[in-house]
């Protein structure tokens, strides 16, 4: 290093800092209804933890599960661990 007094500032990955962190393990599963709602939703993504807290996001199809996850992160926060059943969505 030519001059040790010169330091570089690298851009930080602030995407990881914009959401509130939750110190809990959270579980998630997709619920499929037998009927379609007036809004056109026929399934929902359910999030819960061991204390009994639960949040449900209605979805038009299971392909929109990522949008429910984004809503959870922005409205509630990001849990330490998200435990799912291994389905593709």
C-alpha atoms as a PDB file:
ATOM      1  CA  UNK A   1       0.000   0.000   0.000  1.00  0.00           C
ATOM      2  CA  UNK A   2       1.508   3.280  -1.101  1.00  0.00           C
ATOM      3  CA  UNK A   3      -0.165   5.530   1.467  1.00  0.00           C
ATOM      4  CA  UNK A   4      -1.751   3.916   4.579  1.00  0.00           C
ATOM      5  CA  UNK A   5      -3.644   7.120   5.414  1.00  0.00           C
ATOM      6  CA  UNK A   6      -5.852   6.745   2.356  1.00  0.00           C
ATOM      7  CA  UNK A   7      -8.815   4.498   2.969  1.00  0.00           C
ATOM      8  CA  UNK A   8     -11.506   3.378   0.606  1.00  0.00           C
ATOM      9  CA  UNK A   9     -15.169   3.474   1.423  1.00  0.00           C
ATOM     10  CA  UNK A  10     -17.055   0.630  -0.116  1.00  0.00           C
ATOM     11  CA  UNK A  11     -20.780   0.819  -0.671  1.00  0.00           C
ATOM     12  CA  UNK A  12     -22.673  -1.172   1.929  1.00  0.00           C
ATOM     13  CA  UNK A  13     -25.376  -3.653   1.146  1.00  0.00           C
ATOM     14  CA  UNK A  14     -28.103  -1.673   2.906  1.00  0.00           C
ATOM     15  CA  UNK A  15     -30.858  -3.992   1.642  1.00  0.00           C
ATOM     16  CA  UNK A  16     -30.251  -6.056   4.753  1.00  0.00           C
ATOM     17  CA  UNK A  17     -30.667  -3.012   7.007  1.00  0.00           C
ATOM     18  CA  UNK A  18     -34.010  -1.637   5.834  1.00  0.00           C
ATOM     19  CA  UNK A  19     -36.208  -4.221   7.586  1.00  0.00           C
ATOM     20  CA  UNK A  20     -36.781  -4.649  11.286  1.00  0.00           C
ATOM     21  CA  UNK A  21     -35.239  -7.833  12.709  1.00  0.00           C
ATOM     22  CA  UNK A  22     -37.385 -10.194  14.774  1.00  0.00           C
ATOM     23  CA  UNK A  23     -35.780 -12.480  17.345  1.00  0.00           C
ATOM     24  CA  UNK A  24     -38.099 -15.413  16.712  1.00  0.00           C
ATOM     25  CA  UNK A  25     -38.492 -18.529  14.633  1.00  0.00           C
ATOM     26  CA  UNK A  26     -41.450 -18.292  12.277  1.00  0.00           C
ATOM     27  CA  UNK A  27     -43.404 -20.976  10.467  1.00  0.00           C
ATOM     28  CA  UNK A  28     -45.181 -20.629   7.121  1.00  0.00           C
ATOM     29  CA  UNK A  29     -47.596 -22.676   5.034  1.00  0.00           C
ATOM     30  CA  UNK A  30     -49.959 -22.130   2.109  1.00  0.00           C
ATOM     31  CA  UNK A  31     -53.688 -22.609   2.642  1.00  0.00           C
ATOM     32  CA  UNK A  32     -55.908 -23.520  -0.317  1.00  0.00           C
ATOM     33  CA  UNK A  33     -59.622 -22.691  -0.101  1.00  0.00           C
ATOM     34  CA  UNK A  34     -62.414 -24.579  -1.848  1.00  0.00           C
ATOM     35  CA  UNK A  35     -64.146 -21.344  -2.885  1.00  0.00           C
ATOM     36  CA  UNK A  36     -62.894 -18.129  -4.477  1.00  0.00           C
ATOM     37  CA  UNK A  37     -63.416 -14.822  -2.664  1.00  0.00           C
ATOM     38  CA  UNK A  38     -64.994 -11.738  -4.219  1.00  0.00           C
ATOM     39  CA  UNK A  39     -61.494 -10.359  -4.789  1.00  0.00           C
ATOM     40  CA  UNK A  40     -60.499 -13.482  -6.722  1.00  0.00           C
ATOM     41  CA  UNK A  41     -58.357 -15.024  -3.969  1.00  0.00           C
ATOM     42  CA  UNK A  42     -58.444 -18.781  -3.531  1.00  0.00           C
ATOM     43  CA  UNK A  43     -55.419 -19.329  -1.282  1.00  0.00           C
ATOM     44  CA  UNK A  44     -53.515 -17.615   1.522  1.00  0.00           C
ATOM     45  CA  UNK A  45     -50.018 -17.609   2.976  1.00  0.00           C
ATOM     46  CA  UNK A  46     -50.034 -18.078   6.746  1.00  0.00           C
ATOM     47  CA  UNK A  47     -47.165 -17.062   9.037  1.00  0.00           C
ATOM     48  CA  UNK A  48     -47.052 -17.877  12.755  1.00  0.00           C
ATOM     49  CA  UNK A  49     -44.658 -18.326  15.655  1.00  0.00           C
ATOM     50  CA  UNK A  50     -44.657 -20.450  18.810  1.00  0.00           C
ATOM     51  CA  UNK A  51     -46.235 -17.714  20.954  1.00  0.00           C
ATOM     52  CA  UNK A  52     -49.492 -17.816  18.964  1.00  0.00           C
ATOM     53  CA  UNK A  53     -48.867 -14.730  16.834  1.00  0.00           C
ATOM     54  CA  UNK A  54     -50.261 -15.219  13.324  1.00  0.00           C
ATOM     55  CA  UNK A  55     -50.529 -13.215  10.103  1.00  0.00           C
ATOM     56  CA  UNK A  56     -52.397 -14.246   6.946  1.00  0.00           C
ATOM     57  CA  UNK A  57     -52.011 -12.750   3.477  1.00  0.00           C
ATOM     58  CA  UNK A  58     -54.617 -13.662   0.815  1.00  0.00           C
ATOM     59  CA  UNK A  59     -53.303 -14.607  -2.641  1.00  0.00           C
ATOM     60  CA  UNK A  60     -54.812 -15.210  -6.068  1.00  0.00           C
ATOM     61  CA  UNK A  61     -52.516 -18.186  -6.710  1.00  0.00           C
ATOM     62  CA  UNK A  62     -49.641 -19.979  -5.028  1.00  0.00           C
ATOM     63  CA  UNK A  63     -47.263 -18.343  -7.498  1.00  0.00           C
ATOM     64  CA  UNK A  64     -47.651 -15.049  -5.598  1.00  0.00           C
ATOM     65  CA  UNK A  65     -46.260 -16.455  -2.320  1.00  0.00           C
ATOM     66  CA  UNK A  66     -43.163 -14.292  -2.717  1.00  0.00           C
ATOM     67  CA  UNK A  67     -45.357 -11.176  -2.554  1.00  0.00           C
ATOM     68  CA  UNK A  68     -46.806 -12.342   0.770  1.00  0.00           C
ATOM     69  CA  UNK A  69     -43.274 -12.842   2.074  1.00  0.00           C
ATOM     70  CA  UNK A  70     -42.312  -9.335   0.956  1.00  0.00           C
ATOM     71  CA  UNK A  71     -45.365  -7.919   2.738  1.00  0.00           C
ATOM     72  CA  UNK A  72     -44.433  -9.756   5.926  1.00  0.00           C
ATOM     73  CA  UNK A  73     -40.898  -8.387   5.800  1.00  0.00           C
ATOM     74  CA  UNK A  74     -42.003  -4.802   5.152  1.00  0.00           C
ATOM     75  CA  UNK A  75     -44.973  -4.683   7.571  1.00  0.00           C
ATOM     76  CA  UNK A  76     -43.733  -6.861  10.443  1.00  0.00           C
ATOM     77  CA  UNK A  77     -40.037  -7.590  10.028  1.00  0.00           C
ATOM     78  CA  UNK A  78     -37.605 -10.382   9.167  1.00  0.00           C
ATOM     79  CA  UNK A  79     -37.487 -13.361  11.548  1.00  0.00           C
ATOM     80  CA  UNK A  80     -34.276 -15.131  12.550  1.00  0.00           C
ATOM     81  CA  UNK A  81     -35.482 -18.352  10.955  1.00  0.00           C
ATOM     82  CA  UNK A  82     -38.371 -19.082   8.592  1.00  0.00           C
ATOM     83  CA  UNK A  83     -39.415 -22.727   8.692  1.00  0.00           C
ATOM     84  CA  UNK A  84     -41.428 -24.009   5.711  1.00  0.00           C
ATOM     85  CA  UNK A  85     -42.604 -27.438   4.565  1.00  0.00           C
ATOM     86  CA  UNK A  86     -40.362 -27.610   1.502  1.00  0.00           C
ATOM     87  CA  UNK A  87     -42.965 -26.942  -1.190  1.00  0.00           C
ATOM     88  CA  UNK A  88     -41.809 -25.161  -4.313  1.00  0.00           C
ATOM     89  CA  UNK A  89     -43.657 -21.901  -3.790  1.00  0.00           C
END
